[in-house]
């Protein structure tokens, strides 16, 4: 079954989109917590650079981006750009994003749930976005892993 048939992307409400743009600008300037960065990638239709605020999670020494909204616009743009992107927190850094296979996502989702994002608690995000408890088991996370794209942040080649 194609991914888009399983999970429908829910665009953010207008107010949330404005907040995201403001946080992305702050992250690009380096004025957010260290794990909140601005992800820049060319738009798949316009080609214009799109900037979005994202929070990375760390697992086994690697950093990852998790799409809480599922098949979000930034995910589609990253895929269209052959996974080439820029992360900004002060200085820009070109990166390559490797999509993590579904069967390897559970520990990364667990790492994401164990942290506090810029403005929300991990318990809130677990319930609101993932629909699980903050203490979700690996089995519960495996059941939802196909709904949330995860990308490993790698150095640009």
Protein backbone atom coordinates (compact mmCIF):
# COMPACT_ATOMS: atom_id res chain seq x y z
CA UNK A 1 0.00 0.00 0.00
CA UNK A 2 1.52 3.39 -0.99
CA UNK A 3 2.53 5.62 1.89
CA UNK A 4 0.11 8.40 0.96
CA UNK A 5 -2.81 5.96 1.27
CA UNK A 6 -1.94 5.15 4.88
CA UNK A 7 -1.29 8.63 6.28
CA UNK A 8 -2.73 11.90 5.10
CA UNK A 9 -0.65 15.03 5.61
CA UNK A 10 -2.34 17.57 7.84
CA UNK A 11 -1.06 21.05 7.01
CA UNK A 12 -0.49 23.21 10.08
CA UNK A 13 -3.09 25.77 11.04
CA UNK A 14 -2.28 29.28 9.90
CA UNK A 15 -1.18 30.43 13.36
CA UNK A 16 1.11 27.41 13.78
CA UNK A 17 2.64 28.04 10.34
CA UNK A 18 3.44 31.64 11.35
CA UNK A 19 5.02 30.48 14.61
CA UNK A 20 7.07 27.90 12.69
CA UNK A 21 8.38 30.61 10.34
CA UNK A 22 9.35 32.79 13.32
CA UNK A 23 11.09 29.89 15.08
CA UNK A 24 12.87 28.97 11.83
CA UNK A 25 14.17 32.53 11.58
CA UNK A 26 15.32 32.46 15.23
CA UNK A 27 16.97 29.06 14.69
CA UNK A 28 18.77 30.33 11.59
CA UNK A 29 20.13 33.18 13.71
CA UNK A 30 21.24 30.74 16.41
CA UNK A 31 18.76 32.02 19.00
CA UNK A 32 17.04 28.72 19.82
CA UNK A 33 18.08 25.69 21.89
CA UNK A 34 20.91 23.73 20.25
CA UNK A 35 18.64 20.95 19.02
CA UNK A 36 16.30 23.35 17.18
CA UNK A 37 17.63 24.24 13.74
CA UNK A 38 16.39 25.73 10.50
CA UNK A 39 16.22 23.23 7.64
CA UNK A 40 16.54 24.82 4.21
CA UNK A 41 15.71 22.94 1.04
CA UNK A 42 14.60 24.03 -2.44
CA UNK A 43 10.86 23.84 -2.99
CA UNK A 44 10.04 20.97 -5.33
CA UNK A 45 7.80 23.14 -7.52
CA UNK A 46 9.17 26.66 -7.22
CA UNK A 47 12.84 25.90 -6.63
CA UNK A 48 12.89 28.70 -4.03
CA UNK A 49 14.64 27.90 -0.74
CA UNK A 50 12.11 26.89 1.90
CA UNK A 51 12.99 27.18 5.57
CA UNK A 52 11.39 25.18 8.35
CA UNK A 53 12.17 24.81 12.04
CA UNK A 54 12.97 21.23 13.04
CA UNK A 55 14.19 19.57 16.22
CA UNK A 56 16.79 16.86 15.87
CA UNK A 57 17.04 13.79 18.07
CA UNK A 58 20.22 11.93 18.90
CA UNK A 59 20.47 8.14 18.95
CA UNK A 60 23.64 6.02 19.01
CA UNK A 61 25.80 9.06 18.27
CA UNK A 62 23.89 10.10 15.13
CA UNK A 63 21.44 12.97 14.71
CA UNK A 64 18.05 12.54 13.10
CA UNK A 65 15.14 14.65 11.89
CA UNK A 66 11.65 13.29 12.57
CA UNK A 67 8.61 14.56 10.68
CA UNK A 68 5.85 14.89 13.26
CA UNK A 69 3.35 15.76 10.52
CA UNK A 70 4.07 12.63 8.53
CA UNK A 71 4.44 13.29 4.82
CA UNK A 72 5.09 17.01 5.44
CA UNK A 73 6.04 19.54 2.78
CA UNK A 74 9.65 19.62 4.00
CA UNK A 75 9.85 15.82 3.63
CA UNK A 76 8.57 16.00 0.05
CA UNK A 77 11.01 18.81 -0.74
CA UNK A 78 13.96 16.88 0.75
CA UNK A 79 13.13 13.83 -1.34
CA UNK A 80 12.75 15.95 -4.50
CA UNK A 81 16.14 17.58 -3.80
CA UNK A 82 17.78 14.12 -3.70
CA UNK A 83 18.18 14.53 0.07
CA UNK A 84 20.52 17.53 -0.25
CA UNK A 85 19.72 20.26 2.28
CA UNK A 86 21.19 22.98 4.47
CA UNK A 87 20.92 23.19 8.23
CA UNK A 88 21.29 26.62 9.79
CA UNK A 89 21.96 27.52 13.36
CA UNK A 90 24.08 30.57 12.91
CA UNK A 91 26.31 29.40 10.05
CA UNK A 92 24.80 27.33 7.25
CA UNK A 93 25.97 23.72 6.92
CA UNK A 94 25.25 21.63 3.84
CA UNK A 95 24.07 18.13 4.73
CA UNK A 96 22.82 14.97 3.12
CA UNK A 97 19.74 13.42 4.71
CA UNK A 98 19.40 9.64 4.55
CA UNK A 99 15.89 8.30 5.01
CA UNK A 100 15.82 5.64 7.73
CA UNK A 101 14.02 2.37 6.89
CA UNK A 102 10.75 1.88 8.79
CA UNK A 103 12.05 -1.11 10.76
CA UNK A 104 14.90 1.01 12.21
CA UNK A 105 12.79 4.02 13.30
CA UNK A 106 11.46 2.90 16.72
CA UNK A 107 14.64 3.68 18.76
CA UNK A 108 14.89 7.07 17.05
CA UNK A 109 11.24 7.88 17.82
CA UNK A 110 11.94 6.85 21.44
CA UNK A 111 14.96 9.20 21.53
CA UNK A 112 12.78 11.97 20.12
CA UNK A 113 10.15 11.40 22.80
CA UNK A 114 12.76 11.57 25.55
CA UNK A 115 13.64 15.18 24.81
CA UNK A 116 11.90 18.49 25.31
CA UNK A 117 11.25 20.53 22.20
CA UNK A 118 11.42 24.32 21.96
CA UNK A 119 7.96 24.93 23.38
CA UNK A 120 6.29 21.60 24.08
CA UNK A 121 6.88 18.79 26.56
CA UNK A 122 7.72 15.32 25.29
CA UNK A 123 4.50 14.01 26.87
CA UNK A 124 2.46 16.54 24.86
CA UNK A 125 4.20 15.60 21.60
CA UNK A 126 3.83 11.88 22.28
CA UNK A 127 0.08 12.22 22.70
CA UNK A 128 -0.61 14.97 20.16
CA UNK A 129 1.52 13.77 17.24
CA UNK A 130 2.29 10.11 17.80
CA UNK A 131 -0.87 9.09 19.69
CA UNK A 132 1.16 7.09 22.23
CA UNK A 133 2.20 7.59 25.82
CA UNK A 134 5.61 9.17 26.55
CA UNK A 135 6.65 5.75 27.93
CA UNK A 136 5.69 3.91 24.74
CA UNK A 137 7.22 0.48 24.28
CA UNK A 138 9.37 -0.39 21.25
CA UNK A 139 6.48 -2.52 19.99
CA UNK A 140 4.07 0.45 20.13
CA UNK A 141 6.60 2.64 18.34
CA UNK A 142 7.15 -0.02 15.66
CA UNK A 143 3.41 0.01 14.98
CA UNK A 144 3.40 3.74 14.17
CA UNK A 145 6.89 4.06 12.62
CA UNK A 146 5.67 3.90 9.03
CA UNK A 147 3.69 7.12 9.56
CA UNK A 148 6.67 9.31 10.50
CA UNK A 149 9.55 9.80 8.06
CA UNK A 150 12.94 9.90 9.79
CA UNK A 151 16.17 11.17 8.23
CA UNK A 152 19.76 10.67 9.46
CA UNK A 153 21.81 13.87 9.19
CA UNK A 154 25.07 13.15 7.35
CA UNK A 155 27.90 15.34 6.11
CA UNK A 156 27.42 16.58 2.54
CA UNK A 157 29.35 14.59 -0.02
